[in-house]
Amino acid sequence: MNQLLANEMLREWTKGDSLLRHAQTVSWVMQAYAIKFGENEDIWACTGLLHDADYEAFPKEHPNRIVEKLRGLGEEKMAHAISAHYTKWGVPYETKLDKALLACDELTGFIVACAQVRPQGLLGLQAKSVRKKLKQKSFAAKVERDEIYAGVELLEVELNEHIDFIIDVLRNHESELNL
C-alpha cells in the first residue's frame, strides 16, 4: 500500500482536523522508526496513518472496520498491528510494527498536547517536561499512561529516548502542524 491510497482511505471516514492531524503525526513517527529499524517505510507510515481511520465514523466498531478493509486488500501486517494498538483488546504483539504502533500512538498525541500549551510549541520541549506532564493526571486526561508505558516496554526503548525521538520527528514537520 502507498501513502496516497492510505490517505484517501483515511479521509473516507475521518473528517475532523484533530483526528486527521493525529493520524498524520503518528504516520510521520512510524515512518521515522521504520527508517531507524530498517523496515518498510510505506507499510509503517500507512499503518500510522490508518490506525484510527474508522474511529470517527464507527467509534463502537473501532478498529474492526479498518482492519477488515485492510485484510480485504491483503494488508495483513497492517491489519494486525492496528488490531493490536490497544493492550486491552488482548491481541498479541508479534512484530516490531505491532509494538511500535502501540508505543507511538498515545505518546505522539500526548507530545502534541504538550506542545500546544507552550508558547514556543515544540521548540525547546524536552523529555523531562513531557515526563512531568505525564505525572499530571489532569493534563490530557484521556491519554492512557499505562498504554504509553506498555508500548515503551514492548518496543524495548528507553522512555526519554523515545520521547526525544518523537519530538525530533515532529519538529521536522512543525510548520505543517500549526502549533
N, C-alpha and C. Protein backbone atom coordinates (compact mmCIF):
# COMPACT_ATOMS: atom_id res chain seq x y z
N MET A 1 0.85 -1.19 0.00
CA MET A 1 0.00 0.00 0.00
C MET A 1 0.89 1.24 0.00
N ASN A 2 0.44 2.26 -0.71
CA ASN A 2 1.19 3.51 -0.70
C ASN A 2 0.45 4.56 0.13
N GLN A 3 1.17 5.61 0.47
CA GLN A 3 0.62 6.61 1.37
C GLN A 3 -0.51 7.42 0.75
N LEU A 4 -0.52 7.56 -0.55
CA LEU A 4 -1.61 8.27 -1.22
C LEU A 4 -2.93 7.52 -1.05
N LEU A 5 -2.89 6.21 -1.28
CA LEU A 5 -4.09 5.39 -1.10
C LEU A 5 -4.52 5.38 0.37
N ALA A 6 -3.56 5.26 1.27
CA ALA A 6 -3.89 5.27 2.70
C ALA A 6 -4.54 6.59 3.10
N ASN A 7 -4.05 7.69 2.56
CA ASN A 7 -4.64 8.99 2.87
C ASN A 7 -6.08 9.08 2.35
N GLU A 8 -6.32 8.54 1.18
CA GLU A 8 -7.68 8.51 0.64
C GLU A 8 -8.60 7.68 1.53
N MET A 9 -8.10 6.53 1.97
CA MET A 9 -8.89 5.68 2.86
C MET A 9 -9.18 6.39 4.18
N LEU A 10 -8.19 7.05 4.74
CA LEU A 10 -8.37 7.78 5.98
C LEU A 10 -9.47 8.83 5.84
N ARG A 11 -9.40 9.61 4.77
CA ARG A 11 -10.34 10.72 4.58
C ARG A 11 -11.75 10.27 4.19
N GLU A 12 -11.87 9.02 3.80
CA GLU A 12 -13.20 8.47 3.52
C GLU A 12 -14.06 8.46 4.79
N TRP A 13 -13.45 8.15 5.93
CA TRP A 13 -14.19 8.02 7.19
C TRP A 13 -13.84 9.08 8.22
N THR A 14 -12.77 9.83 8.01
CA THR A 14 -12.30 10.80 9.01
C THR A 14 -12.36 12.19 8.42
N LYS A 15 -13.08 13.07 9.09
CA LYS A 15 -13.24 14.45 8.61
C LYS A 15 -12.67 15.49 9.58
N GLY A 16 -12.62 15.15 10.86
CA GLY A 16 -12.18 16.11 11.88
C GLY A 16 -10.70 16.42 11.81
N ASP A 17 -10.38 17.71 11.91
CA ASP A 17 -8.99 18.15 11.82
C ASP A 17 -8.11 17.52 12.89
N SER A 18 -8.61 17.41 14.10
CA SER A 18 -7.81 16.88 15.20
C SER A 18 -7.40 15.42 14.94
N LEU A 19 -8.34 14.61 14.53
CA LEU A 19 -8.03 13.20 14.27
C LEU A 19 -7.17 13.04 13.01
N LEU A 20 -7.41 13.88 12.01
CA LEU A 20 -6.55 13.85 10.82
C LEU A 20 -5.11 14.22 11.18
N ARG A 21 -4.95 15.23 12.04
CA ARG A 21 -3.61 15.62 12.47
C ARG A 21 -2.96 14.50 13.28
N HIS A 22 -3.73 13.87 14.16
CA HIS A 22 -3.18 12.77 14.95
C HIS A 22 -2.71 11.64 14.03
N ALA A 23 -3.52 11.29 13.05
CA ALA A 23 -3.13 10.24 12.11
C ALA A 23 -1.84 10.60 11.39
N GLN A 24 -1.72 11.84 10.96
CA GLN A 24 -0.53 12.27 10.24
C GLN A 24 0.70 12.26 11.13
N THR A 25 0.56 12.72 12.37
CA THR A 25 1.72 12.75 13.26
C THR A 25 2.21 11.34 13.59
N VAL A 26 1.27 10.43 13.84
CA VAL A 26 1.66 9.05 14.12
C VAL A 26 2.31 8.44 12.88
N SER A 27 1.82 8.78 11.71
CA SER A 27 2.41 8.29 10.46
C SER A 27 3.85 8.75 10.32
N TRP A 28 4.11 10.03 10.59
CA TRP A 28 5.48 10.55 10.49
C TRP A 28 6.42 9.83 11.45
N VAL A 29 5.95 9.62 12.67
CA VAL A 29 6.79 8.96 13.67
C VAL A 29 7.03 7.50 13.28
N MET A 30 5.99 6.83 12.82
CA MET A 30 6.14 5.43 12.40
C MET A 30 7.10 5.32 11.22
N GLN A 31 7.00 6.22 10.28
CA GLN A 31 7.91 6.20 9.13
C GLN A 31 9.36 6.40 9.58
N ALA A 32 9.57 7.31 10.51
CA ALA A 32 10.92 7.55 11.02
C ALA A 32 11.45 6.31 11.75
N TYR A 33 10.60 5.65 12.50
CA TYR A 33 11.03 4.41 13.15
C TYR A 33 11.32 3.32 12.13
N ALA A 34 10.56 3.25 11.07
CA ALA A 34 10.84 2.26 10.01
C ALA A 34 12.24 2.47 9.46
N ILE A 35 12.59 3.72 9.23
CA ILE A 35 13.93 4.03 8.72
C ILE A 35 14.98 3.59 9.76
N LYS A 36 14.75 3.93 11.00
CA LYS A 36 15.69 3.59 12.07
C LYS A 36 15.88 2.08 12.20
N PHE A 37 14.79 1.33 12.07
CA PHE A 37 14.84 -0.13 12.24
C PHE A 37 15.08 -0.90 10.95
N GLY A 38 15.20 -0.19 9.82
CA GLY A 38 15.42 -0.86 8.54
C GLY A 38 14.20 -1.61 8.04
N GLU A 39 13.02 -1.07 8.31
CA GLU A 39 11.76 -1.69 7.92
C GLU A 39 11.15 -0.96 6.71
N ASN A 40 10.05 -1.46 6.22
CA ASN A 40 9.36 -0.88 5.06
C ASN A 40 8.67 0.43 5.46
N GLU A 41 9.17 1.54 4.92
CA GLU A 41 8.65 2.86 5.29
C GLU A 41 7.18 3.04 4.95
N ASP A 42 6.77 2.58 3.77
CA ASP A 42 5.37 2.76 3.36
C ASP A 42 4.42 2.01 4.27
N ILE A 43 4.75 0.77 4.57
CA ILE A 43 3.86 -0.02 5.44
C ILE A 43 3.75 0.63 6.81
N TRP A 44 4.88 1.04 7.36
CA TRP A 44 4.86 1.65 8.68
C TRP A 44 4.13 2.99 8.68
N ALA A 45 4.38 3.83 7.68
CA ALA A 45 3.71 5.13 7.60
C ALA A 45 2.21 4.94 7.40
N CYS A 46 1.83 4.03 6.53
CA CYS A 46 0.40 3.78 6.27
C CYS A 46 -0.30 3.21 7.49
N THR A 47 0.39 2.37 8.24
CA THR A 47 -0.19 1.82 9.47
C THR A 47 -0.46 2.95 10.45
N GLY A 48 0.48 3.86 10.60
CA GLY A 48 0.27 5.01 11.47
C GLY A 48 -0.87 5.89 10.99
N LEU A 49 -0.94 6.08 9.70
CA LEU A 49 -1.99 6.93 9.12
C LEU A 49 -3.37 6.34 9.33
N LEU A 50 -3.48 5.02 9.23
CA LEU A 50 -4.80 4.37 9.25
C LEU A 50 -5.22 3.79 10.59
N HIS A 51 -4.39 3.88 11.62
CA HIS A 51 -4.69 3.18 12.86
C HIS A 51 -6.01 3.59 13.50
N ASP A 52 -6.45 4.81 13.31
CA ASP A 52 -7.73 5.27 13.86
C ASP A 52 -8.71 5.69 12.75
N ALA A 53 -8.50 5.20 11.55
CA ALA A 53 -9.29 5.66 10.39
C ALA A 53 -10.79 5.48 10.56
N ASP A 54 -11.21 4.47 11.29
CA ASP A 54 -12.65 4.21 11.45
C ASP A 54 -13.21 4.78 12.76
N TYR A 55 -12.38 5.39 13.56
CA TYR A 55 -12.80 5.82 14.89
C TYR A 55 -13.91 6.88 14.87
N GLU A 56 -13.78 7.86 14.01
CA GLU A 56 -14.77 8.94 13.96
C GLU A 56 -16.11 8.46 13.42
N ALA A 57 -16.09 7.70 12.34
CA ALA A 57 -17.33 7.25 11.71
C ALA A 57 -17.98 6.07 12.43
N PHE A 58 -17.17 5.21 13.03
CA PHE A 58 -17.67 3.99 13.65
C PHE A 58 -17.01 3.74 15.01
N PRO A 59 -17.19 4.65 15.97
CA PRO A 59 -16.46 4.53 17.23
C PRO A 59 -16.70 3.22 17.99
N LYS A 60 -17.90 2.68 17.90
CA LYS A 60 -18.20 1.44 18.62
C LYS A 60 -17.62 0.21 17.93
N GLU A 61 -17.26 0.36 16.66
CA GLU A 61 -16.70 -0.76 15.90
C GLU A 61 -15.19 -0.66 15.72
N HIS A 62 -14.61 0.42 16.22
CA HIS A 62 -13.17 0.65 16.08
C HIS A 62 -12.37 -0.43 16.78
N PRO A 63 -11.36 -1.01 16.19
CA PRO A 63 -10.78 -0.79 14.87
C PRO A 63 -11.25 -1.79 13.81
N ASN A 64 -12.34 -2.48 14.10
CA ASN A 64 -12.75 -3.60 13.25
C ASN A 64 -13.01 -3.23 11.80
N ARG A 65 -13.57 -2.06 11.56
CA ARG A 65 -13.87 -1.65 10.17
C ARG A 65 -12.60 -1.50 9.33
N ILE A 66 -11.63 -0.78 9.87
CA ILE A 66 -10.40 -0.56 9.08
C ILE A 66 -9.60 -1.85 8.98
N VAL A 67 -9.61 -2.66 10.03
CA VAL A 67 -8.90 -3.95 9.99
C VAL A 67 -9.49 -4.84 8.91
N GLU A 68 -10.81 -4.90 8.87
CA GLU A 68 -11.49 -5.71 7.85
C GLU A 68 -11.17 -5.22 6.44
N LYS A 69 -11.18 -3.92 6.27
CA LYS A 69 -10.89 -3.33 4.96
C LYS A 69 -9.45 -3.65 4.53
N LEU A 70 -8.51 -3.53 5.45
CA LEU A 70 -7.11 -3.82 5.13
C LEU A 70 -6.90 -5.30 4.82
N ARG A 71 -7.56 -6.15 5.57
CA ARG A 71 -7.45 -7.59 5.29
C ARG A 71 -8.00 -7.91 3.91
N GLY A 72 -9.08 -7.24 3.53
CA GLY A 72 -9.66 -7.43 2.20
C GLY A 72 -8.70 -7.00 1.09
N LEU A 73 -7.80 -6.10 1.41
CA LEU A 73 -6.79 -5.63 0.45
C LEU A 73 -5.49 -6.43 0.53
N GLY A 74 -5.48 -7.45 1.40
CA GLY A 74 -4.28 -8.27 1.55
C GLY A 74 -3.20 -7.64 2.41
N GLU A 75 -3.56 -6.64 3.20
CA GLU A 75 -2.59 -5.93 4.05
C GLU A 75 -2.64 -6.48 5.48
N GLU A 76 -2.29 -7.75 5.63
CA GLU A 76 -2.41 -8.43 6.92
C GLU A 76 -1.50 -7.83 8.00
N LYS A 77 -0.27 -7.48 7.65
CA LYS A 77 0.65 -6.91 8.65
C LYS A 77 0.07 -5.63 9.25
N MET A 78 -0.43 -4.76 8.37
CA MET A 78 -1.02 -3.51 8.82
C MET A 78 -2.27 -3.78 9.65
N ALA A 79 -3.11 -4.68 9.17
CA ALA A 79 -4.36 -5.01 9.86
C ALA A 79 -4.07 -5.54 11.26
N HIS A 80 -3.09 -6.42 11.37
CA HIS A 80 -2.79 -6.99 12.69
C HIS A 80 -2.27 -5.91 13.64
N ALA A 81 -1.36 -5.08 13.17
CA ALA A 81 -0.81 -4.02 14.02
C ALA A 81 -1.92 -3.09 14.51
N ILE A 82 -2.84 -2.74 13.63
CA ILE A 82 -3.93 -1.85 14.01
C ILE A 82 -4.88 -2.54 14.98
N SER A 83 -5.09 -3.83 14.80
CA SER A 83 -5.98 -4.56 15.71
C SER A 83 -5.36 -4.70 17.11
N ALA A 84 -4.06 -4.46 17.21
CA ALA A 84 -3.34 -4.62 18.47
C ALA A 84 -2.92 -3.31 19.11
N HIS A 85 -3.36 -2.16 18.59
CA HIS A 85 -2.79 -0.91 19.10
C HIS A 85 -3.39 -0.40 20.42
N TYR A 86 -4.06 -1.30 21.11
CA TYR A 86 -4.59 -1.00 22.45
C TYR A 86 -4.48 -2.30 23.25
N THR A 87 -3.75 -2.28 24.33
CA THR A 87 -3.45 -3.53 25.05
C THR A 87 -4.70 -4.24 25.56
N LYS A 88 -5.73 -3.49 25.88
CA LYS A 88 -6.93 -4.09 26.46
C LYS A 88 -7.75 -4.90 25.45
N TRP A 89 -7.39 -4.82 24.17
CA TRP A 89 -8.06 -5.65 23.16
C TRP A 89 -7.54 -7.08 23.17
N GLY A 90 -6.41 -7.32 23.83
CA GLY A 90 -5.90 -8.66 24.00
C GLY A 90 -5.31 -9.31 22.76
N VAL A 91 -4.93 -8.52 21.77
CA VAL A 91 -4.32 -9.05 20.55
C VAL A 91 -2.81 -9.17 20.80
N PRO A 92 -2.21 -10.30 20.45
CA PRO A 92 -0.77 -10.45 20.71
C PRO A 92 0.10 -9.53 19.85
N TYR A 93 1.21 -9.14 20.42
CA TYR A 93 2.19 -8.29 19.72
C TYR A 93 3.24 -9.22 19.13
N GLU A 94 3.18 -9.39 17.83
CA GLU A 94 4.02 -10.37 17.14
C GLU A 94 5.21 -9.76 16.42
N THR A 95 5.08 -8.53 15.97
CA THR A 95 6.13 -7.92 15.16
C THR A 95 6.55 -6.58 15.75
N LYS A 96 7.65 -6.08 15.26
CA LYS A 96 8.13 -4.76 15.67
C LYS A 96 7.10 -3.68 15.26
N LEU A 97 6.44 -3.89 14.13
CA LEU A 97 5.39 -2.97 13.68
C LEU A 97 4.27 -2.89 14.72
N ASP A 98 3.82 -4.02 15.21
CA ASP A 98 2.77 -4.06 16.23
C ASP A 98 3.18 -3.26 17.46
N LYS A 99 4.39 -3.51 17.91
CA LYS A 99 4.90 -2.88 19.13
C LYS A 99 5.13 -1.38 18.94
N ALA A 100 5.63 -1.02 17.77
CA ALA A 100 5.91 0.40 17.50
C ALA A 100 4.63 1.21 17.46
N LEU A 101 3.59 0.66 16.85
CA LEU A 101 2.33 1.41 16.79
C LEU A 101 1.78 1.67 18.18
N LEU A 102 1.81 0.66 19.03
CA LEU A 102 1.37 0.85 20.41
C LEU A 102 2.24 1.91 21.10
N ALA A 103 3.54 1.83 20.91
CA ALA A 103 4.47 2.75 21.57
C ALA A 103 4.33 4.19 21.07
N CYS A 104 3.91 4.37 19.85
CA CYS A 104 3.87 5.71 19.24
C CYS A 104 2.52 6.40 19.33
N ASP A 105 1.45 5.66 19.34
CA ASP A 105 0.11 6.23 19.24
C ASP A 105 -0.19 7.23 20.35
N GLU A 106 -0.35 6.78 21.55
CA GLU A 106 -0.74 7.66 22.66
C GLU A 106 0.33 8.71 22.95
N LEU A 107 1.58 8.31 22.91
CA LEU A 107 2.66 9.24 23.27
C LEU A 107 2.79 10.37 22.25
N THR A 108 2.61 10.06 20.97
CA THR A 108 2.68 11.12 19.96
C THR A 108 1.58 12.15 20.21
N GLY A 109 0.38 11.67 20.46
CA GLY A 109 -0.73 12.59 20.78
C GLY A 109 -0.45 13.40 22.03
N PHE A 110 0.14 12.77 23.02
CA PHE A 110 0.45 13.45 24.26
C PHE A 110 1.50 14.55 24.05
N ILE A 111 2.50 14.25 23.25
CA ILE A 111 3.55 15.24 22.97
C ILE A 111 2.97 16.43 22.20
N VAL A 112 2.07 16.18 21.28
CA VAL A 112 1.41 17.28 20.57
C VAL A 112 0.63 18.13 21.57
N ALA A 113 -0.06 17.50 22.51
CA ALA A 113 -0.79 18.25 23.54
C ALA A 113 0.17 19.09 24.37
N CYS A 114 1.32 18.55 24.72
CA CYS A 114 2.33 19.31 25.47
C CYS A 114 2.78 20.54 24.67
N ALA A 115 3.01 20.35 23.40
CA ALA A 115 3.47 21.45 22.55
C ALA A 115 2.40 22.53 22.41
N GLN A 116 1.14 22.13 22.39
CA GLN A 116 0.05 23.08 22.21
C GLN A 116 -0.10 24.06 23.37
N VAL A 117 0.36 23.69 24.54
CA VAL A 117 0.21 24.59 25.70
C VAL A 117 1.48 25.40 25.96
N ARG A 118 2.46 25.28 25.08
CA ARG A 118 3.71 26.02 25.23
C ARG A 118 3.77 27.16 24.21
N PRO A 119 4.20 28.34 24.63
CA PRO A 119 4.30 29.45 23.68
C PRO A 119 5.22 29.15 22.49
N GLN A 120 6.27 28.35 22.72
CA GLN A 120 7.21 28.02 21.66
C GLN A 120 6.89 26.70 20.97
N GLY A 121 5.77 26.10 21.30
CA GLY A 121 5.41 24.83 20.68
C GLY A 121 6.42 23.75 20.98
N LEU A 122 6.96 23.14 19.95
CA LEU A 122 7.94 22.06 20.11
C LEU A 122 9.35 22.57 20.41
N LEU A 123 9.59 23.83 20.09
CA LEU A 123 10.92 24.41 20.30
C LEU A 123 11.27 24.36 21.78
N GLY A 124 12.35 23.70 22.09
CA GLY A 124 12.80 23.60 23.48
C GLY A 124 12.10 22.55 24.31
N LEU A 125 11.10 21.89 23.76
CA LEU A 125 10.41 20.83 24.50
C LEU A 125 11.37 19.66 24.70
N GLN A 126 11.46 19.19 25.92
CA GLN A 126 12.38 18.10 26.25
C GLN A 126 11.64 16.97 26.96
N ALA A 127 12.28 15.81 26.95
CA ALA A 127 11.69 14.63 27.58
C ALA A 127 11.32 14.89 29.04
N LYS A 128 12.16 15.64 29.74
CA LYS A 128 11.91 15.93 31.16
C LYS A 128 10.55 16.61 31.35
N SER A 129 10.23 17.57 30.48
CA SER A 129 8.96 18.29 30.56
C SER A 129 7.79 17.36 30.24
N VAL A 130 7.97 16.51 29.25
CA VAL A 130 6.91 15.57 28.88
C VAL A 130 6.66 14.59 30.01
N ARG A 131 7.72 14.09 30.62
CA ARG A 131 7.57 13.15 31.74
C ARG A 131 6.86 13.81 32.92
N LYS A 132 7.16 15.08 33.14
CA LYS A 132 6.49 15.81 34.23
C LYS A 132 4.99 15.91 33.95
N LYS A 133 4.64 16.21 32.70
CA LYS A 133 3.22 16.29 32.32
C LYS A 133 2.54 14.92 32.42
N LEU A 134 3.29 13.85 32.12
CA LEU A 134 2.72 12.50 32.24
C LEU A 134 2.26 12.21 33.66
N LYS A 135 2.94 12.79 34.64
CA LYS A 135 2.59 12.57 36.04
C LYS A 135 1.36 13.38 36.47
N GLN A 136 1.02 14.40 35.69
CA GLN A 136 -0.16 15.23 35.98
C GLN A 136 -1.38 14.58 35.35
N LYS A 137 -2.13 13.85 36.14
CA LYS A 137 -3.26 13.10 35.60
C LYS A 137 -4.33 13.99 34.97
N SER A 138 -4.40 15.25 35.40
CA SER A 138 -5.40 16.17 34.84
C SER A 138 -5.01 16.69 33.46
N PHE A 139 -3.72 16.63 33.12
CA PHE A 139 -3.28 17.11 31.81
C PHE A 139 -3.51 16.01 30.78
N ALA A 140 -4.20 16.36 29.68
CA ALA A 140 -4.53 15.38 28.64
C ALA A 140 -5.06 14.11 29.30
N ALA A 141 -6.09 14.29 30.12
CA ALA A 141 -6.59 13.23 30.98
C ALA A 141 -7.04 11.97 30.23
N LYS A 142 -7.44 12.12 28.97
CA LYS A 142 -7.91 10.96 28.21
C LYS A 142 -6.77 10.05 27.72
N VAL A 143 -5.55 10.56 27.77
CA VAL A 143 -4.39 9.76 27.35
C VAL A 143 -4.11 8.72 28.43
N GLU A 144 -4.14 7.48 28.03
CA GLU A 144 -3.92 6.39 28.98
C GLU A 144 -2.42 6.15 29.15
N ARG A 145 -1.93 6.57 30.29
CA ARG A 145 -0.50 6.48 30.56
C ARG A 145 -0.01 5.04 30.54
N ASP A 146 -0.84 4.09 31.02
CA ASP A 146 -0.41 2.69 31.03
C ASP A 146 -0.17 2.17 29.62
N GLU A 147 -0.87 2.70 28.63
CA GLU A 147 -0.64 2.31 27.24
C GLU A 147 0.73 2.80 26.76
N ILE A 148 1.08 4.00 27.17
CA ILE A 148 2.40 4.56 26.82
C ILE A 148 3.50 3.68 27.40
N TYR A 149 3.39 3.36 28.68
CA TYR A 149 4.43 2.57 29.33
C TYR A 149 4.50 1.15 28.78
N ALA A 150 3.35 0.56 28.47
CA ALA A 150 3.33 -0.78 27.88
C ALA A 150 4.01 -0.78 26.51
N GLY A 151 3.74 0.24 25.71
CA GLY A 151 4.34 0.34 24.39
C GLY A 151 5.85 0.48 24.45
N VAL A 152 6.32 1.32 25.35
CA VAL A 152 7.76 1.53 25.51
C VAL A 152 8.43 0.23 25.92
N GLU A 153 7.80 -0.49 26.84
CA GLU A 153 8.36 -1.77 27.30
C GLU A 153 8.40 -2.80 26.17
N LEU A 154 7.31 -2.91 25.42
CA LEU A 154 7.27 -3.87 24.32
C LEU A 154 8.27 -3.54 23.21
N LEU A 155 8.42 -2.26 22.90
CA LEU A 155 9.34 -1.84 21.86
C LEU A 155 10.80 -1.91 22.33
N GLU A 156 10.96 -2.04 23.64
CA GLU A 156 12.29 -2.13 24.25
C GLU A 156 13.13 -0.89 23.97
N VAL A 157 12.50 0.26 24.23
CA VAL A 157 13.21 1.54 24.13
C VAL A 157 13.12 2.23 25.48
N GLU A 158 14.06 3.11 25.73
CA GLU A 158 14.06 3.88 26.96
C GLU A 158 13.10 5.06 26.77
N LEU A 159 12.29 5.35 27.77
CA LEU A 159 11.25 6.36 27.64
C LEU A 159 11.79 7.72 27.21
N ASN A 160 12.86 8.21 27.83
CA ASN A 160 13.40 9.53 27.44
C ASN A 160 13.84 9.54 25.98
N GLU A 161 14.52 8.48 25.55
CA GLU A 161 14.96 8.41 24.16
C GLU A 161 13.78 8.37 23.20
N HIS A 162 12.75 7.63 23.58
CA HIS A 162 11.54 7.53 22.76
C HIS A 162 10.85 8.89 22.64
N ILE A 163 10.73 9.57 23.75
CA ILE A 163 10.13 10.91 23.74
C ILE A 163 10.94 11.84 22.86
N ASP A 164 12.26 11.85 23.05
CA ASP A 164 13.13 12.73 22.25
C ASP A 164 13.03 12.39 20.76
N PHE A 165 12.94 11.12 20.44
CA PHE A 165 12.82 10.70 19.05
C PHE A 165 11.54 11.27 18.44
N ILE A 166 10.43 11.13 19.15
CA ILE A 166 9.15 11.64 18.66
C ILE A 166 9.19 13.16 18.52
N ILE A 167 9.73 13.84 19.50
CA ILE A 167 9.84 15.31 19.43
C ILE A 167 10.64 15.71 18.20
N ASP A 168 11.76 15.06 17.98
CA ASP A 168 12.61 15.39 16.81
C ASP A 168 11.86 15.18 15.51
N VAL A 169 11.12 14.10 15.39
CA VAL A 169 10.34 13.85 14.18
C VAL A 169 9.30 14.95 13.99
N LEU A 170 8.59 15.28 15.05
CA LEU A 170 7.55 16.30 14.95
C LEU A 170 8.13 17.68 14.64
N ARG A 171 9.30 17.97 15.17
CA ARG A 171 9.95 19.26 14.87
C ARG A 171 10.22 19.40 13.37
N ASN A 172 10.52 18.30 12.72
CA ASN A 172 10.76 18.34 11.27
C ASN A 172 9.49 18.67 10.49
N HIS A 173 8.35 18.61 11.15
CA HIS A 173 7.06 18.87 10.48
C HIS A 173 6.29 19.98 11.19
N GLU A 174 6.97 20.75 12.02
CA GLU A 174 6.28 21.74 12.85
C GLU A 174 5.46 22.74 12.05
N SER A 175 5.96 23.17 10.91
CA SER A 175 5.21 24.16 10.11
C SER A 175 3.90 23.58 9.62
N GLU A 176 3.87 22.28 9.39
CA GLU A 176 2.64 21.62 8.93
C GLU A 176 1.64 21.41 10.07
N LEU A 177 2.13 21.42 11.30
CA LEU A 177 1.28 21.17 12.46
C LEU A 177 0.53 22.39 12.94
N ASN A 178 1.01 23.59 12.61
CA ASN A 178 0.38 24.83 13.06
C ASN A 178 0.21 24.88 14.58
N LEU A 179 1.28 24.59 15.29
CA LEU A 179 1.21 24.62 16.76
C LEU A 179 1.44 26.02 17.28
